[in-house]
């Protein structure tokens, strides 16, 4: 399979075997992450490998009890990390820097680029992966659990292991005209936006219907449209976003990134 075909056939896996991942293979995957693009080649990221059952049980709680964390043999937490670099600067009597919001964002970009390289490499070896969007919303408690020092903040996580489910179909993506803007941003008309999301809505509702009990939950919450679901208490409510945003700002301050 070509790299392009490999990328276009990505599927998130949510059921895993407990089969361990060979140590040499795991290190090779992380080496692939290290070969990703990095701002200034500073490699301002780090990854914490969680394999022990006790540690994964704690992460299971912090990541909203997603069972795949207990099933898969490995959870990788990728961090924006300027602690190591700032130590290096101090040892060599260089001016201090990077302990600011821009530093966090640069490290976050490096970490996510590395994570995606690891994800692609893992899939090429027959492993399954799933990104954990709950990393940011629980970043303060994850940071405590992993004992992250100043200027180190978790930004994304990967569950990695051998799939234990029928490989799901490729999830629908929006048409390219929703993503591409030529020279300047094209905001689209309401009608164009509705057209762009029409198949997305159909595919999403059909997927909900296949999840046992999901339509009952939607009905109980008076949700009759996919758009309503995405900002409801069942998904990404405004209150949840405001709470997580306030926590992240405070965490960045406490980690000396603000």
Protein backbone atom coordinates (compact mmCIF):
# COMPACT_ATOMS: atom_id res chain seq x y z
CA UNK A 1 0.00 0.00 0.00
CA UNK A 2 1.31 3.46 -0.89
CA UNK A 3 1.70 6.04 1.86
CA UNK A 4 -1.21 8.00 0.35
CA UNK A 5 -3.49 4.96 0.39
CA UNK A 6 -2.35 4.13 3.92
CA UNK A 7 -3.28 7.62 5.13
CA UNK A 8 -6.64 7.62 3.35
CA UNK A 9 -7.56 4.29 4.97
CA UNK A 10 -6.90 5.30 8.59
CA UNK A 11 -9.41 3.94 11.13
CA UNK A 12 -9.54 4.53 14.88
CA UNK A 13 -9.58 1.27 16.85
CA UNK A 14 -11.47 1.03 20.16
CA UNK A 15 -11.22 -2.68 21.04
CA UNK A 16 -7.78 -4.18 21.73
CA UNK A 17 -6.04 -7.42 22.56
CA UNK A 18 -3.78 -7.41 25.61
CA UNK A 19 -0.87 -8.75 23.53
CA UNK A 20 2.29 -6.85 24.53
CA UNK A 21 4.10 -4.71 21.97
CA UNK A 22 7.70 -5.76 21.44
CA UNK A 23 10.06 -3.29 23.11
CA UNK A 24 12.19 -2.85 20.00
CA UNK A 25 9.08 -2.14 17.91
CA UNK A 26 7.77 0.41 20.41
CA UNK A 27 11.11 2.24 20.42
CA UNK A 28 11.14 2.18 16.63
CA UNK A 29 7.68 3.76 16.55
CA UNK A 30 8.83 6.54 18.85
CA UNK A 31 11.95 6.98 16.71
CA UNK A 32 9.57 7.56 13.78
CA UNK A 33 7.93 10.26 15.89
CA UNK A 34 11.30 11.84 16.55
CA UNK A 35 11.96 12.06 12.81
CA UNK A 36 8.94 14.33 12.36
CA UNK A 37 9.38 18.02 11.59
CA UNK A 38 10.38 20.12 14.60
CA UNK A 39 10.59 23.86 15.08
CA UNK A 40 14.28 24.82 15.11
CA UNK A 41 15.07 21.13 15.56
CA UNK A 42 14.63 21.72 19.29
CA UNK A 43 12.36 18.66 19.52
CA UNK A 44 10.33 20.40 22.19
CA UNK A 45 8.19 17.41 23.06
CA UNK A 46 8.36 14.28 25.15
CA UNK A 47 6.28 11.14 25.53
CA UNK A 48 5.38 9.20 28.66
CA UNK A 49 4.85 5.46 28.12
CA UNK A 50 2.23 3.92 30.41
CA UNK A 51 2.26 0.12 30.50
CA UNK A 52 1.74 -0.88 34.13
CA UNK A 53 -1.83 -1.84 35.00
CA UNK A 54 -2.02 0.50 37.98
CA UNK A 55 -0.97 3.49 35.90
CA UNK A 56 -3.40 2.67 33.10
CA UNK A 57 -6.22 2.26 35.64
CA UNK A 58 -5.57 5.82 36.78
CA UNK A 59 -5.49 7.05 33.18
CA UNK A 60 -8.73 5.13 32.57
CA UNK A 61 -10.41 7.24 35.24
CA UNK A 62 -8.89 10.49 33.95
CA UNK A 63 -9.90 9.75 30.35
CA UNK A 64 -13.61 9.35 31.18
CA UNK A 65 -13.39 5.56 31.65
CA UNK A 66 -12.72 4.57 28.06
CA UNK A 67 -12.25 0.79 28.24
CA UNK A 68 -9.63 0.64 25.50
CA UNK A 69 -7.11 2.15 27.95
CA UNK A 70 -7.36 -1.00 30.07
CA UNK A 71 -7.42 -3.34 27.08
CA UNK A 72 -4.43 -2.06 25.09
CA UNK A 73 -0.92 -2.73 26.41
CA UNK A 74 0.36 0.82 25.90
CA UNK A 75 -0.85 4.40 26.35
CA UNK A 76 1.43 7.15 25.04
CA UNK A 77 1.01 10.67 26.43
CA UNK A 78 2.66 13.32 24.26
CA UNK A 79 3.69 16.55 25.94
CA UNK A 80 4.76 20.05 25.00
CA UNK A 81 8.13 20.05 26.76
CA UNK A 82 10.59 22.89 27.26
CA UNK A 83 11.85 21.66 30.64
CA UNK A 84 14.74 19.70 29.13
CA UNK A 85 15.65 22.53 26.75
CA UNK A 86 15.54 25.18 29.47
CA UNK A 87 17.81 23.03 31.64
CA UNK A 88 20.23 22.78 28.70
CA UNK A 89 20.15 26.57 28.25
CA UNK A 90 20.87 27.13 31.94
CA UNK A 91 23.73 24.63 32.03
CA UNK A 92 25.36 26.53 29.17
CA UNK A 93 24.73 30.02 30.61
CA UNK A 94 22.41 30.94 27.73
CA UNK A 95 19.58 33.44 28.10
CA UNK A 96 16.37 31.90 29.41
CA UNK A 97 13.42 31.69 27.05
CA UNK A 98 10.49 29.57 25.86
CA UNK A 99 8.67 29.82 29.22
CA UNK A 100 5.77 31.62 27.56
CA UNK A 101 2.58 30.94 25.63
CA UNK A 102 4.38 30.83 22.29
CA UNK A 103 6.75 28.25 23.76
CA UNK A 104 3.79 26.08 24.76
CA UNK A 105 2.27 26.33 21.28
CA UNK A 106 5.56 25.47 19.56
CA UNK A 107 5.96 22.44 21.82
CA UNK A 108 2.34 21.45 21.24
CA UNK A 109 2.84 21.52 17.48
CA UNK A 110 6.03 19.44 17.78
CA UNK A 111 4.25 16.92 20.03
CA UNK A 112 1.28 16.47 17.71
CA UNK A 113 3.49 16.10 14.64
CA UNK A 114 5.46 13.41 16.50
CA UNK A 115 2.26 11.67 17.64
CA UNK A 116 0.94 11.49 14.09
CA UNK A 117 4.21 9.98 12.87
CA UNK A 118 3.96 7.35 15.62
CA UNK A 119 0.34 6.65 14.68
CA UNK A 120 1.15 6.14 11.01
CA UNK A 121 4.15 3.94 11.81
CA UNK A 122 2.10 1.85 14.27
CA UNK A 123 -0.60 1.19 11.69
CA UNK A 124 2.02 0.14 9.14
CA UNK A 125 3.02 -2.66 11.56
CA UNK A 126 -0.54 -3.94 11.97
CA UNK A 127 -1.18 -2.11 15.22
CA UNK A 128 -4.29 -0.06 15.93
CA UNK A 129 -4.34 3.40 17.45
CA UNK A 130 -6.86 5.82 18.87
CA UNK A 131 -6.25 9.45 19.82
CA UNK A 132 -7.57 10.50 23.22
CA UNK A 133 -9.29 13.88 22.91
CA UNK A 134 -9.77 13.84 26.68
CA UNK A 135 -6.08 14.61 27.24
CA UNK A 136 -6.61 18.38 27.15
CA UNK A 137 -9.79 18.35 29.24
CA UNK A 138 -8.00 16.40 31.98
CA UNK A 139 -4.53 17.88 31.47
CA UNK A 140 -4.15 19.09 35.05
CA UNK A 141 -4.84 15.70 36.64
CA UNK A 142 -2.87 13.82 33.96
CA UNK A 143 0.03 16.18 34.65
CA UNK A 144 -0.10 15.30 38.36
CA UNK A 145 -0.36 11.57 37.66
CA UNK A 146 2.66 11.61 35.31
CA UNK A 147 4.61 14.00 37.61
CA UNK A 148 5.29 16.47 34.83
CA UNK A 149 7.61 19.35 35.85
CA UNK A 150 7.40 23.04 34.91
CA UNK A 151 7.01 23.84 31.20
CA UNK A 152 5.75 20.32 30.45
CA UNK A 153 2.05 19.95 29.60
CA UNK A 154 0.20 16.92 28.12
CA UNK A 155 -1.46 17.73 24.80
CA UNK A 156 -2.55 14.43 23.24
CA UNK A 157 -2.47 10.69 23.90
CA UNK A 158 -2.46 7.53 21.82
CA UNK A 159 -3.81 4.14 22.80
CA UNK A 160 -1.70 1.58 20.91
CA UNK A 161 -2.22 -2.17 20.55
CA UNK A 162 -3.32 -5.03 18.36
CA UNK A 163 -6.97 -4.69 17.22
CA UNK A 164 -9.58 -7.01 18.73
CA UNK A 165 -12.54 -6.00 16.57
CA UNK A 166 -13.70 -6.19 13.00
CA UNK A 167 -11.85 -3.34 11.34
CA UNK A 168 -14.41 -0.54 11.05
CA UNK A 169 -15.26 1.24 7.84
CA UNK A 170 -13.36 4.40 6.98
CA UNK A 171 -15.17 7.27 8.71
CA UNK A 172 -16.76 9.86 6.43
CA UNK A 173 -14.89 13.11 5.86
CA UNK A 174 -16.21 16.41 4.54
CA UNK A 175 -15.74 17.16 0.84
CA UNK A 176 -12.48 18.92 0.00
CA UNK A 177 -14.28 22.15 -0.89
CA UNK A 178 -15.07 22.49 2.83
CA UNK A 179 -11.36 22.52 3.65
CA UNK A 180 -9.64 24.20 0.71
CA UNK A 181 -9.53 27.98 0.26
CA UNK A 182 -7.78 29.47 -2.76
CA UNK A 183 -5.53 32.45 -1.89
CA UNK A 184 -7.97 33.90 0.67
CA UNK A 185 -10.58 32.41 2.98
CA UNK A 186 -13.99 31.77 1.44
CA UNK A 187 -16.60 31.94 4.24
CA UNK A 188 -19.38 30.24 2.16
CA UNK A 189 -23.07 31.04 2.18
CA UNK A 190 -25.52 29.39 4.57
CA UNK A 191 -26.79 27.28 1.69
CA UNK A 192 -23.26 26.17 0.80
CA UNK A 193 -22.53 25.29 4.44
CA UNK A 194 -25.72 23.23 4.62
CA UNK A 195 -24.77 21.39 1.42
CA UNK A 196 -21.27 20.70 2.74
CA UNK A 197 -22.62 19.10 5.93
CA UNK A 198 -25.60 17.22 4.47
CA UNK A 199 -23.87 13.87 3.96
CA UNK A 200 -21.92 14.30 7.20
CA UNK A 201 -25.23 14.57 9.04
CA UNK A 202 -26.71 11.53 7.29
CA UNK A 203 -23.65 9.39 7.95
CA UNK A 204 -23.44 10.48 11.60
CA UNK A 205 -27.11 9.76 12.35
CA UNK A 206 -26.83 6.35 10.70
CA UNK A 207 -23.81 5.62 12.91
CA UNK A 208 -25.73 6.65 16.06
CA UNK A 209 -28.49 4.22 15.06
CA UNK A 210 -25.97 1.36 15.09
CA UNK A 211 -24.84 2.12 18.66
CA UNK A 212 -27.07 0.26 21.16
CA UNK A 213 -29.17 2.71 23.17
CA UNK A 214 -27.79 5.83 21.45
CA UNK A 215 -31.02 6.91 19.79
CA UNK A 216 -32.80 6.56 23.13
CA UNK A 217 -30.24 8.89 24.73
CA UNK A 218 -30.69 11.41 21.94
CA UNK A 219 -34.46 11.30 22.27
CA UNK A 220 -34.27 11.71 26.05
CA UNK A 221 -32.11 14.81 25.52
CA UNK A 222 -34.53 16.16 22.87
CA UNK A 223 -31.77 16.02 20.25
CA UNK A 224 -33.16 15.80 16.74
CA UNK A 225 -30.18 17.02 14.69
CA UNK A 226 -26.49 16.12 14.58
CA UNK A 227 -25.55 19.78 15.16
CA UNK A 228 -27.58 19.77 18.41
CA UNK A 229 -25.69 16.69 19.59
CA UNK A 230 -22.26 18.28 19.15
CA UNK A 231 -23.01 21.12 21.59
CA UNK A 232 -25.13 19.08 24.02
CA UNK A 233 -24.18 17.69 27.43
CA UNK A 234 -23.64 14.33 25.68
CA UNK A 235 -20.75 15.71 23.64
CA UNK A 236 -19.04 19.13 23.75
CA UNK A 237 -21.23 21.38 25.87
CA UNK A 238 -20.34 25.06 26.28
CA UNK A 239 -20.03 24.57 30.04
CA UNK A 240 -17.54 21.74 29.51
CA UNK A 241 -15.49 23.92 27.17
CA UNK A 242 -15.50 26.88 29.55
CA UNK A 243 -14.45 24.69 32.48
CA UNK A 244 -11.64 23.04 30.51
CA UNK A 245 -10.48 26.37 29.10
CA UNK A 246 -10.20 27.91 32.57
CA UNK A 247 -8.34 24.84 33.83
CA UNK A 248 -5.88 24.91 30.92
CA UNK A 249 -5.11 28.59 31.40
CA UNK A 250 -4.45 28.01 35.09
CA UNK A 251 -2.34 24.94 34.29
CA UNK A 252 -0.23 26.94 31.82
CA UNK A 253 0.31 29.59 34.50
CA UNK A 254 1.30 27.00 37.10
CA UNK A 255 3.68 25.36 34.59
CA UNK A 256 5.30 28.77 33.91
CA UNK A 257 4.06 28.89 30.31
CA UNK A 258 2.17 32.16 30.85
